[in-house]
Amino acid sequence: MTPPLEELLKKVDSKYTLVVAAAKRSRQLMEGHPKVVDTPSHKPVTIALLEINEGKVTVDMPETGPDRC
């Protein structure tokens, strides 16, 4: 079961960040990286979202400033 969006958004600053983080982690899982949550799911996106929600995978936010887009 996928965590509710409201819970996931507490872990990141925006929906965009959540999508990028979940996609990156999903690719890692598909490349063979081990999952760090106990779940019967084999779907990489579901596993990635569970890992983000449980705080087992962190999302690094890039610094923003006048020289960054």
PDB file of N, CA and C in Angstrom:
ATOM      1  N   MET A   1       0.844  -1.178   0.000  1.00  0.00           N
ATOM      2  CA  MET A   1       0.000   0.000   0.000  1.00  0.00           C
ATOM      3  C   MET A   1       0.891   1.244   0.000  1.00  0.00           C
ATOM      4  N   THR A   2       0.569   2.186  -0.854  1.00  0.00           N
ATOM      5  CA  THR A   2       1.328   3.429  -0.968  1.00  0.00           C
ATOM      6  C   THR A   2       0.901   4.407   0.124  1.00  0.00           C
ATOM      7  N   PRO A   3       1.866   5.112   0.733  1.00  0.00           N
ATOM      8  CA  PRO A   3       1.519   6.098   1.759  1.00  0.00           C
ATOM      9  C   PRO A   3       0.693   7.249   1.175  1.00  0.00           C
ATOM     10  N   PRO A   4      -0.161   7.866   1.984  1.00  0.00           N
ATOM     11  CA  PRO A   4      -0.950   9.001   1.493  1.00  0.00           C
ATOM     12  C   PRO A   4      -0.052  10.176   1.092  1.00  0.00           C
ATOM     13  N   LEU A   5      -0.492  10.907   0.092  1.00  0.00           N
ATOM     14  CA  LEU A   5       0.268  12.047  -0.411  1.00  0.00           C
ATOM     15  C   LEU A   5       0.531  13.075   0.685  1.00  0.00           C
ATOM     16  N   GLU A   6      -0.429  13.287   1.563  1.00  0.00           N
ATOM     17  CA  GLU A   6      -0.266  14.268   2.639  1.00  0.00           C
ATOM     18  C   GLU A   6       0.924  13.919   3.531  1.00  0.00           C
ATOM     19  N   GLU A   7       1.103  12.624   3.813  1.00  0.00           N
ATOM     20  CA  GLU A   7       2.246  12.191   4.633  1.00  0.00           C
ATOM     21  C   GLU A   7       3.551  12.388   3.883  1.00  0.00           C
ATOM     22  N   LEU A   8       3.559  12.041   2.611  1.00  0.00           N
ATOM     23  CA  LEU A   8       4.776  12.164   1.809  1.00  0.00           C
ATOM     24  C   LEU A   8       5.213  13.617   1.674  1.00  0.00           C
ATOM     25  N   LEU A   9       4.258  14.531   1.547  1.00  0.00           N
ATOM     26  CA  LEU A   9       4.605  15.938   1.371  1.00  0.00           C
ATOM     27  C   LEU A   9       5.201  16.552   2.629  1.00  0.00           C
ATOM     28  N   LYS A  10       5.073  15.887   3.768  1.00  0.00           N
ATOM     29  CA  LYS A  10       5.715  16.359   5.000  1.00  0.00           C
ATOM     30  C   LYS A  10       7.217  16.091   4.964  1.00  0.00           C
ATOM     31  N   LYS A  11       7.649  15.200   4.082  1.00  0.00           N
ATOM     32  CA  LYS A  11       9.059  14.810   3.988  1.00  0.00           C
ATOM     33  C   LYS A  11       9.843  15.644   2.977  1.00  0.00           C
ATOM     34  N   VAL A  12       9.132  16.343   2.089  1.00  0.00           N
ATOM     35  CA  VAL A  12       9.777  17.118   1.027  1.00  0.00           C
ATOM     36  C   VAL A  12       9.144  18.504   0.937  1.00  0.00           C
ATOM     37  N   ASP A  13       9.702  19.360   0.091  1.00  0.00           N
ATOM     38  CA  ASP A  13       9.182  20.727  -0.012  1.00  0.00           C
ATOM     39  C   ASP A  13       8.129  20.922  -1.101  1.00  0.00           C
ATOM     40  N   SER A  14       7.990  19.936  -2.000  1.00  0.00           N
ATOM     41  CA  SER A  14       6.994  20.082  -3.068  1.00  0.00           C
ATOM     42  C   SER A  14       6.703  18.734  -3.712  1.00  0.00           C
ATOM     43  N   LYS A  15       5.629  18.700  -4.473  1.00  0.00           N
ATOM     44  CA  LYS A  15       5.289  17.486  -5.214  1.00  0.00           C
ATOM     45  C   LYS A  15       6.366  17.179  -6.247  1.00  0.00           C
ATOM     46  N   TYR A  16       6.912  18.226  -6.845  1.00  0.00           N
ATOM     47  CA  TYR A  16       7.968  18.037  -7.844  1.00  0.00           C
ATOM     48  C   TYR A  16       9.167  17.318  -7.232  1.00  0.00           C
ATOM     49  N   THR A  17       9.587  17.765  -6.066  1.00  0.00           N
ATOM     50  CA  THR A  17      10.721  17.132  -5.382  1.00  0.00           C
ATOM     51  C   THR A  17      10.415  15.675  -5.079  1.00  0.00           C
ATOM     52  N   LEU A  18       9.189  15.403  -4.659  1.00  0.00           N
ATOM     53  CA  LEU A  18       8.787  14.034  -4.364  1.00  0.00           C
ATOM     54  C   LEU A  18       8.878  13.146  -5.605  1.00  0.00           C
ATOM     55  N   VAL A  19       8.403  13.648  -6.718  1.00  0.00           N
ATOM     56  CA  VAL A  19       8.437  12.875  -7.965  1.00  0.00           C
ATOM     57  C   VAL A  19       9.871  12.595  -8.390  1.00  0.00           C
ATOM     58  N   VAL A  20      10.723  13.604  -8.318  1.00  0.00           N
ATOM     59  CA  VAL A  20      12.121  13.424  -8.718  1.00  0.00           C
ATOM     60  C   VAL A  20      12.824  12.426  -7.792  1.00  0.00           C
ATOM     61  N   ALA A  21      12.600  12.550  -6.484  1.00  0.00           N
ATOM     62  CA  ALA A  21      13.233  11.649  -5.521  1.00  0.00           C
ATOM     63  C   ALA A  21      12.744  10.215  -5.709  1.00  0.00           C
ATOM     64  N   ALA A  22      11.448  10.039  -5.900  1.00  0.00           N
ATOM     65  CA  ALA A  22      10.896   8.698  -6.088  1.00  0.00           C
ATOM     66  C   ALA A  22      11.412   8.073  -7.386  1.00  0.00           C
ATOM     67  N   ALA A  23      11.515   8.867  -8.429  1.00  0.00           N
ATOM     68  CA  ALA A  23      12.020   8.356  -9.700  1.00  0.00           C
ATOM     69  C   ALA A  23      13.487   7.944  -9.589  1.00  0.00           C
ATOM     70  N   LYS A  24      14.278   8.764  -8.922  1.00  0.00           N
ATOM     71  CA  LYS A  24      15.703   8.451  -8.760  1.00  0.00           C
ATOM     72  C   LYS A  24      15.883   7.168  -7.955  1.00  0.00           C
ATOM     73  N   ARG A  25      15.149   7.065  -6.838  1.00  0.00           N
ATOM     74  CA  ARG A  25      15.269   5.869  -6.001  1.00  0.00           C
ATOM     75  C   ARG A  25      14.735   4.639  -6.730  1.00  0.00           C
ATOM     76  N   SER A  26      13.666   4.794  -7.503  1.00  0.00           N
ATOM     77  CA  SER A  26      13.119   3.676  -8.282  1.00  0.00           C
ATOM     78  C   SER A  26      14.143   3.143  -9.268  1.00  0.00           C
ATOM     79  N   ARG A  27      14.860   4.054  -9.922  1.00  0.00           N
ATOM     80  CA  ARG A  27      15.910   3.622 -10.858  1.00  0.00           C
ATOM     81  C   ARG A  27      17.001   2.853 -10.122  1.00  0.00           C
ATOM     82  N   GLN A  28      17.374   3.323  -8.932  1.00  0.00           N
ATOM     83  CA  GLN A  28      18.383   2.614  -8.144  1.00  0.00           C
ATOM     84  C   GLN A  28      17.912   1.196  -7.814  1.00  0.00           C
ATOM     85  N   LEU A  29      16.657   1.069  -7.421  1.00  0.00           N
ATOM     86  CA  LEU A  29      16.113  -0.250  -7.092  1.00  0.00           C
ATOM     87  C   LEU A  29      16.112  -1.160  -8.314  1.00  0.00           C
ATOM     88  N   MET A  30      15.764  -0.617  -9.474  1.00  0.00           N
ATOM     89  CA  MET A  30      15.748  -1.417 -10.701  1.00  0.00           C
ATOM     90  C   MET A  30      17.160  -1.834 -11.118  1.00  0.00           C
ATOM     91  N   GLU A  31      18.167  -1.054 -10.700  1.00  0.00           N
ATOM     92  CA  GLU A  31      19.560  -1.390 -11.000  1.00  0.00           C
ATOM     93  C   GLU A  31      20.114  -2.439 -10.046  1.00  0.00           C
ATOM     94  N   GLY A  32      19.325  -2.802  -9.024  1.00  0.00           N
ATOM     95  CA  GLY A  32      19.761  -3.851  -8.121  1.00  0.00           C
ATOM     96  C   GLY A  32      20.103  -3.410  -6.711  1.00  0.00           C
ATOM     97  N   HIS A  33      19.967  -2.132  -6.396  1.00  0.00           N
ATOM     98  CA  HIS A  33      20.217  -1.669  -5.037  1.00  0.00           C
ATOM     99  C   HIS A  33      19.199  -2.326  -4.108  1.00  0.00           C
ATOM    100  N   PRO A  34      19.596  -2.688  -2.901  1.00  0.00           N
ATOM    101  CA  PRO A  34      18.649  -3.358  -1.998  1.00  0.00           C
ATOM    102  C   PRO A  34      17.618  -2.383  -1.443  1.00  0.00           C
ATOM    103  N   LYS A  35      16.395  -2.895  -1.236  1.00  0.00           N
ATOM    104  CA  LYS A  35      15.372  -2.066  -0.601  1.00  0.00           C
ATOM    105  C   LYS A  35      15.644  -2.019   0.898  1.00  0.00           C
ATOM    106  N   VAL A  36      15.265  -0.920   1.533  1.00  0.00           N
ATOM    107  CA  VAL A  36      15.559  -0.739   2.953  1.00  0.00           C
ATOM    108  C   VAL A  36      14.291  -0.722   3.810  1.00  0.00           C
ATOM    109  N   VAL A  37      13.179  -1.172   3.231  1.00  0.00           N
ATOM    110  CA  VAL A  37      11.937  -1.325   3.979  1.00  0.00           C
ATOM    111  C   VAL A  37      11.433  -2.744   3.783  1.00  0.00           C
ATOM    112  N   ASP A  38      10.664  -3.199   4.744  1.00  0.00           N
ATOM    113  CA  ASP A  38      10.079  -4.533   4.652  1.00  0.00           C
ATOM    114  C   ASP A  38       8.693  -4.406   4.040  1.00  0.00           C
ATOM    115  N   THR A  39       8.563  -4.823   2.801  1.00  0.00           N
ATOM    116  CA  THR A  39       7.288  -4.752   2.090  1.00  0.00           C
ATOM    117  C   THR A  39       7.192  -5.909   1.110  1.00  0.00           C
ATOM    118  N   PRO A  40       6.004  -6.450   0.943  1.00  0.00           N
ATOM    119  CA  PRO A  40       5.844  -7.527  -0.034  1.00  0.00           C
ATOM    120  C   PRO A  40       5.818  -7.020  -1.481  1.00  0.00           C
ATOM    121  N   SER A  41       5.727  -5.712  -1.658  1.00  0.00           N
ATOM    122  CA  SER A  41       5.644  -5.143  -3.005  1.00  0.00           C
ATOM    123  C   SER A  41       6.962  -5.331  -3.758  1.00  0.00           C
ATOM    124  N   HIS A  42       6.823  -5.554  -5.049  1.00  0.00           N
ATOM    125  CA  HIS A  42       7.993  -5.656  -5.923  1.00  0.00           C
ATOM    126  C   HIS A  42       8.060  -4.467  -6.873  1.00  0.00           C
ATOM    127  N   LYS A  43       7.126  -3.524  -6.714  1.00  0.00           N
ATOM    128  CA  LYS A  43       7.076  -2.360  -7.594  1.00  0.00           C
ATOM    129  C   LYS A  43       8.059  -1.299  -7.096  1.00  0.00           C
ATOM    130  N   PRO A  44       9.024  -0.910  -7.930  1.00  0.00           N
ATOM    131  CA  PRO A  44      10.050   0.044  -7.503  1.00  0.00           C
ATOM    132  C   PRO A  44       9.506   1.384  -7.013  1.00  0.00           C
ATOM    133  N   VAL A  45       8.474   1.914  -7.660  1.00  0.00           N
ATOM    134  CA  VAL A  45       7.943   3.212  -7.250  1.00  0.00           C
ATOM    135  C   VAL A  45       7.285   3.101  -5.871  1.00  0.00           C
ATOM    136  N   THR A  46       6.529   2.044  -5.639  1.00  0.00           N
ATOM    137  CA  THR A  46       5.891   1.834  -4.341  1.00  0.00           C
ATOM    138  C   THR A  46       6.940   1.701  -3.248  1.00  0.00           C
ATOM    139  N   ILE A  47       7.972   0.927  -3.509  1.00  0.00           N
ATOM    140  CA  ILE A  47       9.053   0.739  -2.531  1.00  0.00           C
ATOM    141  C   ILE A  47       9.730   2.081  -2.248  1.00  0.00           C
ATOM    142  N   ALA A  48      10.019   2.843  -3.300  1.00  0.00           N
ATOM    143  CA  ALA A  48      10.676   4.143  -3.129  1.00  0.00           C
ATOM    144  C   ALA A  48       9.827   5.083  -2.277  1.00  0.00           C
ATOM    145  N   LEU A  49       8.526   5.133  -2.532  1.00  0.00           N
ATOM    146  CA  LEU A  49       7.650   6.010  -1.754  1.00  0.00           C
ATOM    147  C   LEU A  49       7.576   5.566  -0.297  1.00  0.00           C
ATOM    148  N   LEU A  50       7.541   4.263  -0.058  1.00  0.00           N
ATOM    149  CA  LEU A  50       7.545   3.762   1.319  1.00  0.00           C
ATOM    150  C   LEU A  50       8.846   4.132   2.024  1.00  0.00           C
ATOM    151  N   GLU A  51       9.967   4.002   1.322  1.00  0.00           N
ATOM    152  CA  GLU A  51      11.261   4.357   1.911  1.00  0.00           C
ATOM    153  C   GLU A  51      11.334   5.839   2.253  1.00  0.00           C
ATOM    154  N   ILE A  52      10.831   6.684   1.375  1.00  0.00           N
ATOM    155  CA  ILE A  52      10.820   8.128   1.632  1.00  0.00           C
ATOM    156  C   ILE A  52       9.921   8.432   2.820  1.00  0.00           C
ATOM    157  N   ASN A  53       8.748   7.820   2.856  1.00  0.00           N
ATOM    158  CA  ASN A  53       7.797   8.074   3.936  1.00  0.00           C
ATOM    159  C   ASN A  53       8.338   7.637   5.299  1.00  0.00           C
ATOM    160  N   GLU A  54       9.057   6.526   5.339  1.00  0.00           N
ATOM    161  CA  GLU A  54       9.600   6.019   6.596  1.00  0.00           C
ATOM    162  C   GLU A  54      10.904   6.707   6.989  1.00  0.00           C
ATOM    163  N   GLY A  55      11.391   7.607   6.151  1.00  0.00           N
ATOM    164  CA  GLY A  55      12.617   8.321   6.469  1.00  0.00           C
ATOM    165  C   GLY A  55      13.877   7.502   6.267  1.00  0.00           C
ATOM    166  N   LYS A  56      13.761   6.378   5.579  1.00  0.00           N
ATOM    167  CA  LYS A  56      14.925   5.522   5.328  1.00  0.00           C
ATOM    168  C   LYS A  56      15.748   6.038   4.152  1.00  0.00           C
ATOM    169  N   VAL A  57      15.114   6.842   3.321  1.00  0.00           N
ATOM    170  CA  VAL A  57      15.784   7.490   2.200  1.00  0.00           C
ATOM    171  C   VAL A  57      15.521   8.978   2.370  1.00  0.00           C
ATOM    172  N   THR A  58      16.579   9.753   2.367  1.00  0.00           N
ATOM    173  CA  THR A  58      16.409  11.189   2.544  1.00  0.00           C
ATOM    174  C   THR A  58      16.500  11.901   1.202  1.00  0.00           C
ATOM    175  N   VAL A  59      15.909  13.069   1.163  1.00  0.00           N
ATOM    176  CA  VAL A  59      15.908  13.883  -0.046  1.00  0.00           C
ATOM    177  C   VAL A  59      16.773  15.094   0.229  1.00  0.00           C
ATOM    178  N   ASP A  60      17.888  15.208  -0.485  1.00  0.00           N
ATOM    179  CA  ASP A  60      18.770  16.358  -0.340  1.00  0.00           C
ATOM    180  C   ASP A  60      18.268  17.478  -1.226  1.00  0.00           C
ATOM    181  N   MET A  61      18.006  18.614  -0.612  1.00  0.00           N
ATOM    182  CA  MET A  61      17.532  19.779  -1.352  1.00  0.00           C
ATOM    183  C   MET A  61      18.735  20.619  -1.779  1.00  0.00           C
ATOM    184  N   PRO A  62      18.845  20.951  -3.066  1.00  0.00           N
ATOM    185  CA  PRO A  62      19.945  21.800  -3.500  1.00  0.00           C
ATOM    186  C   PRO A  62      19.752  23.218  -2.974  1.00  0.00           C
ATOM    187  N   GLU A  63      20.858  23.876  -2.740  1.00  0.00           N
ATOM    188  CA  GLU A  63      20.783  25.269  -2.307  1.00  0.00           C
ATOM    189  C   GLU A  63      20.351  26.123  -3.483  1.00  0.00           C
ATOM    190  N   THR A  64      19.581  27.153  -3.179  1.00  0.00           N
ATOM    191  CA  THR A  64      19.157  28.061  -4.235  1.00  0.00           C
ATOM    192  C   THR A  64      19.826  29.405  -4.026  1.00  0.00           C
ATOM    193  N   GLY A  65      19.967  30.128  -5.061  1.00  0.00           N
ATOM    194  CA  GLY A  65      20.608  31.426  -4.983  1.00  0.00           C
ATOM    195  C   GLY A  65      20.544  32.117  -6.321  1.00  0.00           C
ATOM    196  N   PRO A  66      21.112  33.295  -6.430  1.00  0.00           N
ATOM    197  CA  PRO A  66      21.032  34.056  -7.673  1.00  0.00           C
ATOM    198  C   PRO A  66      21.731  33.382  -8.842  1.00  0.00           C
ATOM    199  N   ASP A  67      22.725  32.521  -8.575  1.00  0.00           N
ATOM    200  CA  ASP A  67      23.454  31.873  -9.665  1.00  0.00           C
ATOM    201  C   ASP A  67      22.880  30.524 -10.029  1.00  0.00           C
ATOM    202  N   ARG A  68      21.778  30.103  -9.382  1.00  0.00           N
ATOM    203  CA  ARG A  68      21.172  28.816  -9.674  1.00  0.00           C
ATOM    204  C   ARG A  68      19.805  29.023 -10.285  1.00  0.00           C
ATOM    205  N   CYS A  69      19.450  28.160 -11.203  1.00  0.00           N
ATOM    206  CA  CYS A  69      18.132  28.249 -11.863  1.00  0.00           C
ATOM    207  C   CYS A  69      17.155  27.348 -11.163  1.00  0.00           C
TER     208      CYS A  69
END
